[in-house]
Amino acid sequence: MSKSSDSSFIQPGTIDSNWSELSIVQNKQYNVLYIGKRYGKFHMLKGIASQYKGSTDYQLLQEKEFLLGYKLNHPNIAETYSLEEVADYGKCIVMEYVDGTTLAE
């Protein structure tokens, strides 16, 4: 039996595990960066460009990048959360979204 919260802190239907507001931020030769919202918070998603999704080499590189990023823990490095299948986008590395300018800027 599910009970609703009376505190108004959490409203029914406000927590959703599905991705929303997904949009492309950058489309490089091999990778595509997306911004997306889940659990009410923005995240960066890094996927493989469509023309390379079937390549085992790029899939292995993506897994290696995820494992390296996941092991890093530093306040000046965006956190890596997971490597997961995202509907319509393929397998993506899910990372912390940091609002601001790029390193190039």
C-alpha atoms as a PDB file:
ATOM      1  CA  MET A   1       0.000   0.000   0.000  1.00  0.00           C
ATOM      2  CA  SER A   2       1.347   3.383  -1.007  1.00  0.00           C
ATOM      3  CA  LYS A   3       0.900   6.399   1.236  1.00  0.00           C
ATOM      4  CA  SER A   4       1.073  10.005   0.034  1.00  0.00           C
ATOM      5  CA  SER A   5       3.226  12.557   1.781  1.00  0.00           C
ATOM      6  CA  ASP A   6       1.327  15.182   3.738  1.00  0.00           C
ATOM      7  CA  SER A   7       4.350  17.484   3.984  1.00  0.00           C
ATOM      8  CA  SER A   8       4.132  18.849   0.421  1.00  0.00           C
ATOM      9  CA  PHE A   9       7.915  18.338   0.254  1.00  0.00           C
ATOM     10  CA  ILE A  10       7.445  15.544  -2.268  1.00  0.00           C
ATOM     11  CA  GLN A  11       4.423  15.737  -4.515  1.00  0.00           C
ATOM     12  CA  PRO A  12       3.087  12.612  -6.230  1.00  0.00           C
ATOM     13  CA  GLY A  13       4.490  12.300  -9.737  1.00  0.00           C
ATOM     14  CA  THR A  14       7.398  14.718  -9.185  1.00  0.00           C
ATOM     15  CA  ILE A  15      10.071  12.006  -9.121  1.00  0.00           C
ATOM     16  CA  ASP A  16      10.469  10.342 -12.504  1.00  0.00           C
ATOM     17  CA  SER A  17      13.285   7.998 -13.497  1.00  0.00           C
ATOM     18  CA  ASN A  18      12.714   8.655 -17.218  1.00  0.00           C
ATOM     19  CA  TRP A  19      14.857  11.122 -19.147  1.00  0.00           C
ATOM     20  CA  SER A  20      13.201  14.352 -20.271  1.00  0.00           C
ATOM     21  CA  GLU A  21      14.291  17.559 -21.987  1.00  0.00           C
ATOM     22  CA  LEU A  22      17.049  15.695 -23.879  1.00  0.00           C
ATOM     23  CA  SER A  23      18.895  17.856 -26.372  1.00  0.00           C
ATOM     24  CA  ILE A  24      22.223  17.766 -28.212  1.00  0.00           C
ATOM     25  CA  VAL A  25      24.918  20.030 -26.789  1.00  0.00           C
ATOM     26  CA  GLN A  26      27.786  18.981 -29.026  1.00  0.00           C
ATOM     27  CA  ASN A  27      28.181  16.578 -31.943  1.00  0.00           C
ATOM     28  CA  LYS A  28      31.818  15.647 -32.518  1.00  0.00           C
ATOM     29  CA  GLN A  29      33.119  13.096 -35.001  1.00  0.00           C
ATOM     30  CA  TYR A  30      32.819  10.050 -32.711  1.00  0.00           C
ATOM     31  CA  ASN A  31      30.813  11.288 -29.723  1.00  0.00           C
ATOM     32  CA  VAL A  32      27.609  13.153 -29.056  1.00  0.00           C
ATOM     33  CA  LEU A  33      26.990  15.121 -25.845  1.00  0.00           C
ATOM     34  CA  TYR A  34      23.438  15.539 -24.603  1.00  0.00           C
ATOM     35  CA  ILE A  35      21.908  17.347 -21.687  1.00  0.00           C
ATOM     36  CA  GLY A  36      18.949  15.653 -20.072  1.00  0.00           C
ATOM     37  CA  LYS A  37      16.822  15.853 -16.967  1.00  0.00           C
ATOM     38  CA  ARG A  38      16.074  12.992 -14.580  1.00  0.00           C
ATOM     39  CA  TYR A  39      14.858  13.046 -10.977  1.00  0.00           C
ATOM     40  CA  GLY A  40      14.366  16.804 -11.387  1.00  0.00           C
ATOM     41  CA  LYS A  41      18.066  17.421 -12.057  1.00  0.00           C
ATOM     42  CA  PHE A  42      20.115  17.975 -15.229  1.00  0.00           C
ATOM     43  CA  HIS A  43      22.867  15.538 -16.275  1.00  0.00           C
ATOM     44  CA  MET A  44      25.310  15.288 -19.169  1.00  0.00           C
ATOM     45  CA  LEU A  45      25.112  12.196 -21.332  1.00  0.00           C
ATOM     46  CA  LYS A  46      27.920  11.150 -23.650  1.00  0.00           C
ATOM     47  CA  GLY A  47      27.010   8.712 -26.392  1.00  0.00           C
ATOM     48  CA  ILE A  48      28.602   7.283 -29.487  1.00  0.00           C
ATOM     49  CA  ALA A  49      27.748   9.032 -32.783  1.00  0.00           C
ATOM     50  CA  SER A  50      25.169   7.064 -34.788  1.00  0.00           C
ATOM     51  CA  GLN A  51      27.550   6.030 -37.577  1.00  0.00           C
ATOM     52  CA  TYR A  52      29.897   4.364 -34.999  1.00  0.00           C
ATOM     53  CA  LYS A  53      27.343   2.724 -32.638  1.00  0.00           C
ATOM     54  CA  GLY A  54      27.822  -0.726 -34.198  1.00  0.00           C
ATOM     55  CA  SER A  55      31.605  -0.614 -33.828  1.00  0.00           C
ATOM     56  CA  THR A  56      33.033  -2.856 -31.112  1.00  0.00           C
ATOM     57  CA  ASP A  57      36.123  -0.632 -30.916  1.00  0.00           C
ATOM     58  CA  TYR A  58      34.083   2.453 -30.007  1.00  0.00           C
ATOM     59  CA  GLN A  59      31.958   0.498 -27.538  1.00  0.00           C
ATOM     60  CA  LEU A  60      35.122  -0.725 -25.780  1.00  0.00           C
ATOM     61  CA  LEU A  61      36.543   2.815 -25.730  1.00  0.00           C
ATOM     62  CA  GLN A  62      33.291   4.085 -24.211  1.00  0.00           C
ATOM     63  CA  GLU A  63      33.403   1.415 -21.491  1.00  0.00           C
ATOM     64  CA  LYS A  64      37.050   2.239 -20.759  1.00  0.00           C
ATOM     65  CA  GLU A  65      36.257   5.970 -20.544  1.00  0.00           C
ATOM     66  CA  PHE A  66      33.378   5.216 -18.168  1.00  0.00           C
ATOM     67  CA  LEU A  67      35.530   3.050 -15.886  1.00  0.00           C
ATOM     68  CA  LEU A  68      38.290   5.674 -15.736  1.00  0.00           C
ATOM     69  CA  GLY A  69      35.818   8.491 -15.047  1.00  0.00           C
ATOM     70  CA  TYR A  70      33.959   6.475 -12.429  1.00  0.00           C
ATOM     71  CA  LYS A  71      37.159   5.958 -10.429  1.00  0.00           C
ATOM     72  CA  LEU A  72      37.968   9.682 -10.330  1.00  0.00           C
ATOM     73  CA  ASN A  73      36.881  11.654  -7.299  1.00  0.00           C
ATOM     74  CA  HIS A  74      37.932  15.291  -7.184  1.00  0.00           C
ATOM     75  CA  PRO A  75      35.973  18.519  -6.600  1.00  0.00           C
ATOM     76  CA  ASN A  76      37.264  19.995  -9.890  1.00  0.00           C
ATOM     77  CA  ILE A  77      36.263  17.018 -12.058  1.00  0.00           C
ATOM     78  CA  ALA A  78      32.667  16.367 -13.104  1.00  0.00           C
ATOM     79  CA  GLU A  79      31.475  13.139 -11.500  1.00  0.00           C
ATOM     80  CA  THR A  80      30.706  10.098 -13.641  1.00  0.00           C
ATOM     81  CA  TYR A  81      27.574   8.273 -12.446  1.00  0.00           C
ATOM     82  CA  SER A  82      26.776   5.380 -14.764  1.00  0.00           C
ATOM     83  CA  LEU A  83      26.927   3.756 -18.190  1.00  0.00           C
ATOM     84  CA  GLU A  84      23.402   2.952 -19.278  1.00  0.00           C
ATOM     85  CA  GLU A  85      21.127   2.386 -22.226  1.00  0.00           C
ATOM     86  CA  VAL A  86      19.035   5.492 -22.952  1.00  0.00           C
ATOM     87  CA  ALA A  87      15.961   4.959 -25.134  1.00  0.00           C
ATOM     88  CA  ASP A  88      16.453   6.356 -28.664  1.00  0.00           C
ATOM     89  CA  TYR A  89      20.041   7.441 -27.854  1.00  0.00           C
ATOM     90  CA  GLY A  90      21.882   4.169 -27.196  1.00  0.00           C
ATOM     91  CA  LYS A  91      24.415   3.512 -24.471  1.00  0.00           C
ATOM     92  CA  CYS A  92      25.542   6.722 -22.752  1.00  0.00           C
ATOM     93  CA  ILE A  93      27.914   7.716 -19.990  1.00  0.00           C
ATOM     94  CA  VAL A  94      25.856   9.690 -17.447  1.00  0.00           C
ATOM     95  CA  MET A  95      27.821  12.506 -15.811  1.00  0.00           C
ATOM     96  CA  GLU A  96      27.350  15.463 -13.520  1.00  0.00           C
ATOM     97  CA  TYR A  97      26.097  18.596 -15.288  1.00  0.00           C
ATOM     98  CA  VAL A  98      28.183  21.663 -14.514  1.00  0.00           C
ATOM     99  CA  ASP A  99      26.604  24.937 -15.577  1.00  0.00           C
ATOM    100  CA  GLY A 100      29.006  27.502 -16.907  1.00  0.00           C
ATOM    101  CA  THR A 101      31.416  28.096 -19.760  1.00  0.00           C
ATOM    102  CA  THR A 102      33.462  25.439 -21.525  1.00  0.00           C
ATOM    103  CA  LEU A 103      37.199  25.015 -20.983  1.00  0.00           C
ATOM    104  CA  ALA A 104      37.768  26.372 -24.496  1.00  0.00           C
ATOM    105  CA  GLU A 105      35.922  29.586 -23.560  1.00  0.00           C
END
